Amino acid sequence: MSFIMMVEHSRARPCDEIDACLQTLIGSSSAVFVEGLCTYFISNPDNADSSHTMRAAIDALEDLHQCAQSLVESVIEECGTGHDLSCTQDSDSR
């Protein structure tokens, strides 16, 4: 089951579930997580599994990011500031 599916099917607060999934994925330190991935990849340059391991980690993090972003957008929309924020972001990007 993907991280997004775990979060969507949970009864806990979504932000708590996202945090729990992130902690499960990276452990207590994002620096140690990235260092471990890099070390594994560098140590096994010819092993196809090292590429798959990197891709799986990136995909899992992207899933969590997408879920967190959806949650942020839902909260903003629920609070009624979605349109104002959207206009502000558009202006800022221009």
PDB file of N, CA and C in Angstrom:
ATOM      1  N   MET A   1       0.856  -1.180   0.000  1.00  0.00           N
ATOM      2  CA  MET A   1       0.000   0.000   0.000  1.00  0.00           C
ATOM      3  C   MET A   1       0.897   1.236   0.000  1.00  0.00           C
ATOM      4  N   SER A   2       0.584   2.191  -0.847  1.00  0.00           N
ATOM      5  CA  SER A   2       1.393   3.397  -0.941  1.00  0.00           C
ATOM      6  C   SER A   2       1.184   4.279   0.282  1.00  0.00           C
ATOM      7  N   PHE A   3       2.086   5.241   0.461  1.00  0.00           N
ATOM      8  CA  PHE A   3       1.976   6.155   1.590  1.00  0.00           C
ATOM      9  C   PHE A   3       0.704   6.982   1.501  1.00  0.00           C
ATOM     10  N   ILE A   4       0.338   7.417   0.296  1.00  0.00           N
ATOM     11  CA  ILE A   4      -0.878   8.219   0.151  1.00  0.00           C
ATOM     12  C   ILE A   4      -2.097   7.398   0.536  1.00  0.00           C
ATOM     13  N   MET A   5      -2.150   6.146   0.088  1.00  0.00           N
ATOM     14  CA  MET A   5      -3.294   5.301   0.433  1.00  0.00           C
ATOM     15  C   MET A   5      -3.371   5.091   1.941  1.00  0.00           C
ATOM     16  N   MET A   6      -2.208   4.941   2.599  1.00  0.00           N
ATOM     17  CA  MET A   6      -2.209   4.767   4.055  1.00  0.00           C
ATOM     18  C   MET A   6      -2.776   5.999   4.731  1.00  0.00           C
ATOM     19  N   VAL A   7      -2.403   7.166   4.258  1.00  0.00           N
ATOM     20  CA  VAL A   7      -2.881   8.410   4.855  1.00  0.00           C
ATOM     21  C   VAL A   7      -4.366   8.596   4.583  1.00  0.00           C
ATOM     22  N   GLU A   8      -4.795   8.320   3.347  1.00  0.00           N
ATOM     23  CA  GLU A   8      -6.188   8.528   2.988  1.00  0.00           C
ATOM     24  C   GLU A   8      -7.125   7.576   3.726  1.00  0.00           C
ATOM     25  N   HIS A   9      -6.667   6.379   4.059  1.00  0.00           N
ATOM     26  CA  HIS A   9      -7.527   5.397   4.696  1.00  0.00           C
ATOM     27  C   HIS A   9      -7.416   5.398   6.218  1.00  0.00           C
ATOM     28  N   SER A  10      -6.674   6.308   6.749  1.00  0.00           N
ATOM     29  CA  SER A  10      -6.471   6.372   8.188  1.00  0.00           C
ATOM     30  C   SER A  10      -7.576   7.173   8.862  1.00  0.00           C
ATOM     31  N   ARG A  11      -7.800   6.862  10.132  1.00  0.00           N
ATOM     32  CA  ARG A  11      -8.781   7.622  10.904  1.00  0.00           C
ATOM     33  C   ARG A  11      -8.121   8.684  11.775  1.00  0.00           C
ATOM     34  N   ALA A  12      -6.811   8.674  11.820  1.00  0.00           N
ATOM     35  CA  ALA A  12      -6.088   9.687  12.596  1.00  0.00           C
ATOM     36  C   ALA A  12      -6.091  10.995  11.809  1.00  0.00           C
ATOM     37  N   ARG A  13      -5.661  12.060  12.470  1.00  0.00           N
ATOM     38  CA  ARG A  13      -5.537  13.340  11.764  1.00  0.00           C
ATOM     39  C   ARG A  13      -4.558  13.171  10.610  1.00  0.00           C
ATOM     40  N   PRO A  14      -4.903  13.693   9.438  1.00  0.00           N
ATOM     41  CA  PRO A  14      -4.020  13.506   8.279  1.00  0.00           C
ATOM     42  C   PRO A  14      -2.588  13.986   8.504  1.00  0.00           C
ATOM     43  N   CYS A  15      -2.417  15.100   9.184  1.00  0.00           N
ATOM     44  CA  CYS A  15      -1.051  15.598   9.388  1.00  0.00           C
ATOM     45  C   CYS A  15      -0.253  14.649  10.276  1.00  0.00           C
ATOM     46  N   ASP A  16      -0.916  14.016  11.242  1.00  0.00           N
ATOM     47  CA  ASP A  16      -0.224  13.048  12.093  1.00  0.00           C
ATOM     48  C   ASP A  16       0.197  11.823  11.287  1.00  0.00           C
ATOM     49  N   GLU A  17      -0.676  11.400  10.373  1.00  0.00           N
ATOM     50  CA  GLU A  17      -0.361  10.251   9.537  1.00  0.00           C
ATOM     51  C   GLU A  17       0.785  10.554   8.573  1.00  0.00           C
ATOM     52  N   ILE A  18       0.790  11.738   8.005  1.00  0.00           N
ATOM     53  CA  ILE A  18       1.876  12.135   7.111  1.00  0.00           C
ATOM     54  C   ILE A  18       3.192  12.131   7.878  1.00  0.00           C
ATOM     55  N   ASP A  19       3.171  12.697   9.073  1.00  0.00           N
ATOM     56  CA  ASP A  19       4.372  12.732   9.902  1.00  0.00           C
ATOM     57  C   ASP A  19       4.833  11.321  10.259  1.00  0.00           C
ATOM     58  N   ALA A  20       3.897  10.451  10.614  1.00  0.00           N
ATOM     59  CA  ALA A  20       4.248   9.071  10.963  1.00  0.00           C
ATOM     60  C   ALA A  20       4.848   8.342   9.761  1.00  0.00           C
ATOM     61  N   CYS A  21       4.274   8.535   8.582  1.00  0.00           N
ATOM     62  CA  CYS A  21       4.813   7.909   7.369  1.00  0.00           C
ATOM     63  C   CYS A  21       6.200   8.437   7.059  1.00  0.00           C
ATOM     64  N   LEU A  22       6.389   9.734   7.221  1.00  0.00           N
ATOM     65  CA  LEU A  22       7.698  10.329   6.972  1.00  0.00           C
ATOM     66  C   LEU A  22       8.732   9.775   7.942  1.00  0.00           C
ATOM     67  N   GLN A  23       8.365   9.671   9.210  1.00  0.00           N
ATOM     68  CA  GLN A  23       9.292   9.125  10.205  1.00  0.00           C
ATOM     69  C   GLN A  23       9.628   7.670   9.907  1.00  0.00           C
ATOM     70  N   THR A  24       8.631   6.907   9.435  1.00  0.00           N
ATOM     71  CA  THR A  24       8.873   5.514   9.067  1.00  0.00           C
ATOM     72  C   THR A  24       9.833   5.439   7.891  1.00  0.00           C
ATOM     73  N   LEU A  25       9.671   6.331   6.946  1.00  0.00           N
ATOM     74  CA  LEU A  25      10.498   6.325   5.748  1.00  0.00           C
ATOM     75  C   LEU A  25      11.926   6.765   6.029  1.00  0.00           C
ATOM     76  N   ILE A  26      12.094   7.913   6.695  1.00  0.00           N
ATOM     77  CA  ILE A  26      13.448   8.468   6.843  1.00  0.00           C
ATOM     78  C   ILE A  26      14.083   8.207   8.200  1.00  0.00           C
ATOM     79  N   GLY A  27      13.297   7.773   9.171  1.00  0.00           N
ATOM     80  CA  GLY A  27      13.853   7.576  10.499  1.00  0.00           C
ATOM     81  C   GLY A  27      13.957   8.906  11.226  1.00  0.00           C
ATOM     82  N   SER A  28      14.904   9.002  12.113  1.00  0.00           N
ATOM     83  CA  SER A  28      14.995  10.190  12.961  1.00  0.00           C
ATOM     84  C   SER A  28      15.772  11.339  12.313  1.00  0.00           C
ATOM     85  N   SER A  29      16.474  11.062  11.216  1.00  0.00           N
ATOM     86  CA  SER A  29      17.310  12.108  10.617  1.00  0.00           C
ATOM     87  C   SER A  29      17.255  12.031   9.097  1.00  0.00           C
ATOM     88  N   SER A  30      16.827  13.120   8.488  1.00  0.00           N
ATOM     89  CA  SER A  30      16.803  13.150   7.027  1.00  0.00           C
ATOM     90  C   SER A  30      18.218  13.101   6.455  1.00  0.00           C
ATOM     91  N   ALA A  31      19.179  13.690   7.148  1.00  0.00           N
ATOM     92  CA  ALA A  31      20.565  13.678   6.677  1.00  0.00           C
ATOM     93  C   ALA A  31      21.108  12.249   6.642  1.00  0.00           C
ATOM     94  N   VAL A  32      20.818  11.473   7.667  1.00  0.00           N
ATOM     95  CA  VAL A  32      21.273  10.079   7.718  1.00  0.00           C
ATOM     96  C   VAL A  32      20.586   9.266   6.618  1.00  0.00           C
ATOM     97  N   PHE A  33      19.310   9.539   6.387  1.00  0.00           N
ATOM     98  CA  PHE A  33      18.560   8.862   5.327  1.00  0.00           C
ATOM     99  C   PHE A  33      19.195   9.125   3.961  1.00  0.00           C
ATOM    100  N   VAL A  34      19.439  10.378   3.638  1.00  0.00           N
ATOM    101  CA  VAL A  34      20.019  10.737   2.342  1.00  0.00           C
ATOM    102  C   VAL A  34      21.436  10.186   2.227  1.00  0.00           C
ATOM    103  N   GLU A  35      22.196  10.290   3.289  1.00  0.00           N
ATOM    104  CA  GLU A  35      23.560   9.766   3.267  1.00  0.00           C
ATOM    105  C   GLU A  35      23.565   8.263   3.021  1.00  0.00           C
ATOM    106  N   GLY A  36      22.646   7.558   3.659  1.00  0.00           N
ATOM    107  CA  GLY A  36      22.546   6.112   3.459  1.00  0.00           C
ATOM    108  C   GLY A  36      22.189   5.752   2.022  1.00  0.00           C
ATOM    109  N   LEU A  37      21.243   6.493   1.445  1.00  0.00           N
ATOM    110  CA  LEU A  37      20.882   6.257   0.044  1.00  0.00           C
ATOM    111  C   LEU A  37      22.063   6.511  -0.884  1.00  0.00           C
ATOM    112  N   CYS A  38      22.739   7.613  -0.656  1.00  0.00           N
ATOM    113  CA  CYS A  38      23.889   7.959  -1.503  1.00  0.00           C
ATOM    114  C   CYS A  38      25.010   6.935  -1.366  1.00  0.00           C
ATOM    115  N   THR A  39      25.284   6.524  -0.147  1.00  0.00           N
ATOM    116  CA  THR A  39      26.332   5.526   0.090  1.00  0.00           C
ATOM    117  C   THR A  39      25.982   4.215  -0.600  1.00  0.00           C
ATOM    118  N   TYR A  40      24.727   3.798  -0.473  1.00  0.00           N
ATOM    119  CA  TYR A  40      24.287   2.565  -1.127  1.00  0.00           C
ATOM    120  C   TYR A  40      24.435   2.679  -2.642  1.00  0.00           C
ATOM    121  N   PHE A  41      24.009   3.801  -3.196  1.00  0.00           N
ATOM    122  CA  PHE A  41      24.071   4.006  -4.641  1.00  0.00           C
ATOM    123  C   PHE A  41      25.522   4.019  -5.130  1.00  0.00           C
ATOM    124  N   ILE A  42      26.391   4.720  -4.424  1.00  0.00           N
ATOM    125  CA  ILE A  42      27.800   4.822  -4.821  1.00  0.00           C
ATOM    126  C   ILE A  42      28.518   3.479  -4.655  1.00  0.00           C
ATOM    127  N   SER A  43      28.151   2.738  -3.632  1.00  0.00           N
ATOM    128  CA  SER A  43      28.794   1.446  -3.363  1.00  0.00           C
ATOM    129  C   SER A  43      28.368   0.365  -4.355  1.00  0.00           C
ATOM    130  N   ASN A  44      27.233   0.566  -5.000  1.00  0.00           N
ATOM    131  CA  ASN A  44      26.694  -0.437  -5.918  1.00  0.00           C
ATOM    132  C   ASN A  44      26.351   0.183  -7.272  1.00  0.00           C
ATOM    133  N   PRO A  45      27.319   0.805  -7.938  1.00  0.00           N
ATOM    134  CA  PRO A  45      27.001   1.544  -9.170  1.00  0.00           C
ATOM    135  C   PRO A  45      26.480   0.671 -10.308  1.00  0.00           C
ATOM    136  N   ASP A  46      26.879  -0.590 -10.342  1.00  0.00           N
ATOM    137  CA  ASP A  46      26.466  -1.465 -11.444  1.00  0.00           C
ATOM    138  C   ASP A  46      25.248  -2.314 -11.098  1.00  0.00           C
ATOM    139  N   ASN A  47      24.765  -2.179  -9.890  1.00  0.00           N
ATOM    140  CA  ASN A  47      23.631  -2.972  -9.440  1.00  0.00           C
ATOM    141  C   ASN A  47      22.330  -2.234  -9.783  1.00  0.00           C
ATOM    142  N   ALA A  48      21.488  -2.889 -10.554  1.00  0.00           N
ATOM    143  CA  ALA A  48      20.217  -2.263 -10.946  1.00  0.00           C
ATOM    144  C   ALA A  48      19.348  -1.954  -9.734  1.00  0.00           C
ATOM    145  N   ASP A  49      19.511  -2.734  -8.672  1.00  0.00           N
ATOM    146  CA  ASP A  49      18.717  -2.498  -7.464  1.00  0.00           C
ATOM    147  C   ASP A  49      19.011  -1.153  -6.826  1.00  0.00           C
ATOM    148  N   SER A  50      20.238  -0.647  -6.981  1.00  0.00           N
ATOM    149  CA  SER A  50      20.556   0.644  -6.365  1.00  0.00           C
ATOM    150  C   SER A  50      19.745   1.755  -7.017  1.00  0.00           C
ATOM    151  N   SER A  51      19.537   1.684  -8.318  1.00  0.00           N
ATOM    152  CA  SER A  51      18.690   2.678  -9.000  1.00  0.00           C
ATOM    153  C   SER A  51      17.248   2.550  -8.569  1.00  0.00           C
ATOM    154  N   HIS A  52      16.792   1.317  -8.444  1.00  0.00           N
ATOM    155  CA  HIS A  52      15.410   1.090  -8.021  1.00  0.00           C
ATOM    156  C   HIS A  52      15.182   1.550  -6.581  1.00  0.00           C
ATOM    157  N   THR A  53      16.190   1.363  -5.737  1.00  0.00           N
ATOM    158  CA  THR A  53      16.088   1.804  -4.346  1.00  0.00           C
ATOM    159  C   THR A  53      15.980   3.323  -4.287  1.00  0.00           C
ATOM    160  N   MET A  54      16.798   4.012  -5.066  1.00  0.00           N
ATOM    161  CA  MET A  54      16.741   5.482  -5.103  1.00  0.00           C
ATOM    162  C   MET A  54      15.384   5.946  -5.624  1.00  0.00           C
ATOM    163  N   ARG A  55      14.906   5.340  -6.703  1.00  0.00           N
ATOM    164  CA  ARG A  55      13.626   5.732  -7.297  1.00  0.00           C
ATOM    165  C   ARG A  55      12.482   5.482  -6.327  1.00  0.00           C
ATOM    166  N   ALA A  56      12.519   4.363  -5.614  1.00  0.00           N
ATOM    167  CA  ALA A  56      11.462   4.044  -4.654  1.00  0.00           C
ATOM    168  C   ALA A  56      11.437   5.062  -3.515  1.00  0.00           C
ATOM    169  N   ALA A  57      12.607   5.470  -3.045  1.00  0.00           N
ATOM    170  CA  ALA A  57      12.677   6.466  -1.969  1.00  0.00           C
ATOM    171  C   ALA A  57      12.146   7.812  -2.445  1.00  0.00           C
ATOM    172  N   ILE A  58      12.542   8.204  -3.646  1.00  0.00           N
ATOM    173  CA  ILE A  58      12.063   9.475  -4.209  1.00  0.00           C
ATOM    174  C   ILE A  58      10.559   9.427  -4.428  1.00  0.00           C
ATOM    175  N   ASP A  59      10.060   8.320  -4.964  1.00  0.00           N
ATOM    176  CA  ASP A  59       8.619   8.182  -5.193  1.00  0.00           C
ATOM    177  C   ASP A  59       7.832   8.276  -3.883  1.00  0.00           C
ATOM    178  N   ALA A  60       8.337   7.626  -2.841  1.00  0.00           N
ATOM    179  CA  ALA A  60       7.651   7.665  -1.550  1.00  0.00           C
ATOM    180  C   ALA A  60       7.625   9.085  -0.989  1.00  0.00           C
ATOM    181  N   LEU A  61       8.736   9.791  -1.107  1.00  0.00           N
ATOM    182  CA  LEU A  61       8.776  11.177  -0.635  1.00  0.00           C
ATOM    183  C   LEU A  61       7.860  12.072  -1.467  1.00  0.00           C
ATOM    184  N   GLU A  62       7.821  11.844  -2.773  1.00  0.00           N
ATOM    185  CA  GLU A  62       6.917  12.621  -3.629  1.00  0.00           C
ATOM    186  C   GLU A  62       5.455  12.352  -3.270  1.00  0.00           C
ATOM    187  N   ASP A  63       5.127  11.100  -2.963  1.00  0.00           N
ATOM    188  CA  ASP A  63       3.764  10.759  -2.540  1.00  0.00           C
ATOM    189  C   ASP A  63       3.385  11.511  -1.266  1.00  0.00           C
ATOM    190  N   LEU A  64       4.305  11.528  -0.312  1.00  0.00           N
ATOM    191  CA  LEU A  64       4.035  12.248   0.938  1.00  0.00           C
ATOM    192  C   LEU A  64       3.900  13.740   0.695  1.00  0.00           C
ATOM    193  N   HIS A  65       4.748  14.287  -0.156  1.00  0.00           N
ATOM    194  CA  HIS A  65       4.675  15.710  -0.465  1.00  0.00           C
ATOM    195  C   HIS A  65       3.341  16.044  -1.117  1.00  0.00           C
ATOM    196  N   GLN A  66       2.906  15.223  -2.048  1.00  0.00           N
ATOM    197  CA  GLN A  66       1.624  15.437  -2.723  1.00  0.00           C
ATOM    198  C   GLN A  66       0.473  15.367  -1.723  1.00  0.00           C
ATOM    199  N   CYS A  67       0.527  14.424  -0.824  1.00  0.00           N
ATOM    200  CA  CYS A  67      -0.513  14.289   0.191  1.00  0.00           C
ATOM    201  C   CYS A  67      -0.530  15.502   1.114  1.00  0.00           C
ATOM    202  N   ALA A  68       0.643  15.939   1.537  1.00  0.00           N
ATOM    203  CA  ALA A  68       0.727  17.117   2.411  1.00  0.00           C
ATOM    204  C   ALA A  68       0.229  18.362   1.691  1.00  0.00           C
ATOM    205  N   GLN A  69       0.579  18.501   0.423  1.00  0.00           N
ATOM    206  CA  GLN A  69       0.129  19.661  -0.350  1.00  0.00           C
ATOM    207  C   GLN A  69      -1.388  19.654  -0.510  1.00  0.00           C
ATOM    208  N   SER A  70      -1.964  18.493  -0.733  1.00  0.00           N
ATOM    209  CA  SER A  70      -3.424  18.384  -0.841  1.00  0.00           C
ATOM    210  C   SER A  70      -4.093  18.774   0.470  1.00  0.00           C
ATOM    211  N   LEU A  71      -3.482  18.366   1.568  1.00  0.00           N
ATOM    212  CA  LEU A  71      -4.016  18.718   2.881  1.00  0.00           C
ATOM    213  C   LEU A  71      -3.958  20.229   3.099  1.00  0.00           C
ATOM    214  N   VAL A  72      -2.855  20.843   2.726  1.00  0.00           N
ATOM    215  CA  VAL A  72      -2.712  22.296   2.852  1.00  0.00           C
ATOM    216  C   VAL A  72      -3.779  23.002   2.023  1.00  0.00           C
ATOM    217  N   GLU A  73      -3.957  22.554   0.796  1.00  0.00           N
ATOM    218  CA  GLU A  73      -4.950  23.164  -0.071  1.00  0.00           C
ATOM    219  C   GLU A  73      -6.360  23.000   0.482  1.00  0.00           C
ATOM    220  N   SER A  74      -6.651  21.844   1.073  1.00  0.00           N
ATOM    221  CA  SER A  74      -7.964  21.615   1.676  1.00  0.00           C
ATOM    222  C   SER A  74      -8.205  22.544   2.857  1.00  0.00           C
ATOM    223  N   VAL A  75      -7.194  22.717   3.679  1.00  0.00           N
ATOM    224  CA  VAL A  75      -7.318  23.608   4.838  1.00  0.00           C
ATOM    225  C   VAL A  75      -7.524  25.048   4.378  1.00  0.00           C
ATOM    226  N   ILE A  76      -6.758  25.477   3.393  1.00  0.00           N
ATOM    227  CA  ILE A  76      -6.895  26.843   2.880  1.00  0.00           C
ATOM    228  C   ILE A  76      -8.282  27.054   2.290  1.00  0.00           C
ATOM    229  N   GLU A  77      -8.755  26.083   1.535  1.00  0.00           N
ATOM    230  CA  GLU A  77     -10.088  26.188   0.930  1.00  0.00           C
ATOM    231  C   GLU A  77     -11.171  26.208   2.009  1.00  0.00           C
ATOM    232  N   GLU A  78     -11.013  25.389   3.012  1.00  0.00           N
ATOM    233  CA  GLU A  78     -11.986  25.302   4.111  1.00  0.00           C
ATOM    234  C   GLU A  78     -12.048  26.614   4.887  1.00  0.00           C
ATOM    235  N   CYS A  79     -10.920  27.278   5.008  1.00  0.00           N
ATOM    236  CA  CYS A  79     -10.877  28.539   5.750  1.00  0.00           C
ATOM    237  C   CYS A  79     -11.372  29.720   4.917  1.00  0.00           C
ATOM    238  N   GLY A  80     -11.615  29.483   3.648  1.00  0.00           N
ATOM    239  CA  GLY A  80     -12.147  30.534   2.799  1.00  0.00           C
ATOM    240  C   GLY A  80     -11.117  31.508   2.276  1.00  0.00           C
ATOM    241  N   THR A  81      -9.849  31.173   2.396  1.00  0.00           N
ATOM    242  CA  THR A  81      -8.811  32.085   1.922  1.00  0.00           C
ATOM    243  C   THR A  81      -8.164  31.578   0.639  1.00  0.00           C
ATOM    244  N   GLY A  82      -8.697  30.497   0.074  1.00  0.00           N
ATOM    245  CA  GLY A  82      -8.098  29.889  -1.108  1.00  0.00           C
ATOM    246  C   GLY A  82      -7.970  30.842  -2.275  1.00  0.00           C
ATOM    247  N   HIS A  83      -9.015  31.593  -2.567  1.00  0.00           N
ATOM    248  CA  HIS A  83      -8.980  32.520  -3.695  1.00  0.00           C
ATOM    249  C   HIS A  83      -7.960  33.636  -3.459  1.00  0.00           C
ATOM    250  N   ASP A  84      -7.960  34.205  -2.251  1.00  0.00           N
ATOM    251  CA  ASP A  84      -7.003  35.269  -1.941  1.00  0.00           C
ATOM    252  C   ASP A  84      -5.569  34.764  -2.042  1.00  0.00           C
ATOM    253  N   LEU A  85      -5.324  33.573  -1.525  1.00  0.00           N
ATOM    254  CA  LEU A  85      -3.975  33.006  -1.588  1.00  0.00           C
ATOM    255  C   LEU A  85      -3.582  32.736  -3.037  1.00  0.00           C
ATOM    256  N   SER A  86      -4.500  32.208  -3.805  1.00  0.00           N
ATOM    257  CA  SER A  86      -4.220  31.928  -5.214  1.00  0.00           C
ATOM    258  C   SER A  86      -3.844  33.206  -5.960  1.00  0.00           C
ATOM    259  N   CYS A  87      -4.589  34.254  -5.739  1.00  0.00           N
ATOM    260  CA  CYS A  87      -4.278  35.540  -6.385  1.00  0.00           C
ATOM    261  C   CYS A  87      -2.910  36.046  -5.966  1.00  0.00           C
ATOM    262  N   THR A  88      -2.624  35.935  -4.692  1.00  0.00           N
ATOM    263  CA  THR A  88      -1.333  36.380  -4.171  1.00  0.00           C
ATOM    264  C   THR A  88      -0.196  35.574  -4.783  1.00  0.00           C
ATOM    265  N   GLN A  89      -0.361  34.257  -4.866  1.00  0.00           N
ATOM    266  CA  GLN A  89       0.679  33.406  -5.451  1.00  0.00           C
ATOM    267  C   GLN A  89       0.870  33.718  -6.922  1.00  0.00           C
ATOM    268  N   ASP A  90      -0.224  33.962  -7.643  1.00  0.00           N
ATOM    269  CA  ASP A  90      -0.122  34.337  -9.050  1.00  0.00           C
ATOM    270  C   ASP A  90       0.674  35.633  -9.218  1.00  0.00           C
ATOM    271  N   SER A  91       0.333  36.619  -8.393  1.00  0.00           N
ATOM    272  CA  SER A  91       1.046  37.902  -8.444  1.00  0.00           C
ATOM    273  C   SER A  91       2.518  37.731  -8.120  1.00  0.00           C
ATOM    274  N   ASP A  92       2.779  36.924  -7.126  1.00  0.00           N
ATOM    275  CA  ASP A  92       4.155  36.678  -6.697  1.00  0.00           C
ATOM    276  C   ASP A  92       4.957  35.994  -7.785  1.00  0.00           C
ATOM    277  N   SER A  93       4.356  35.030  -8.466  1.00  0.00           N
ATOM    278  CA  SER A  93       5.079  34.301  -9.508  1.00  0.00           C
ATOM    279  C   SER A  93       5.357  35.169 -10.730  1.00  0.00           C
ATOM    280  N   ARG A  94       4.480  36.147 -10.971  1.00  0.00           N
ATOM    281  CA  ARG A  94       4.695  37.060 -12.105  1.00  0.00           C
ATOM    282  C   ARG A  94       5.805  38.019 -11.782  1.00  0.00           C
TER     283      ARG A  94
END
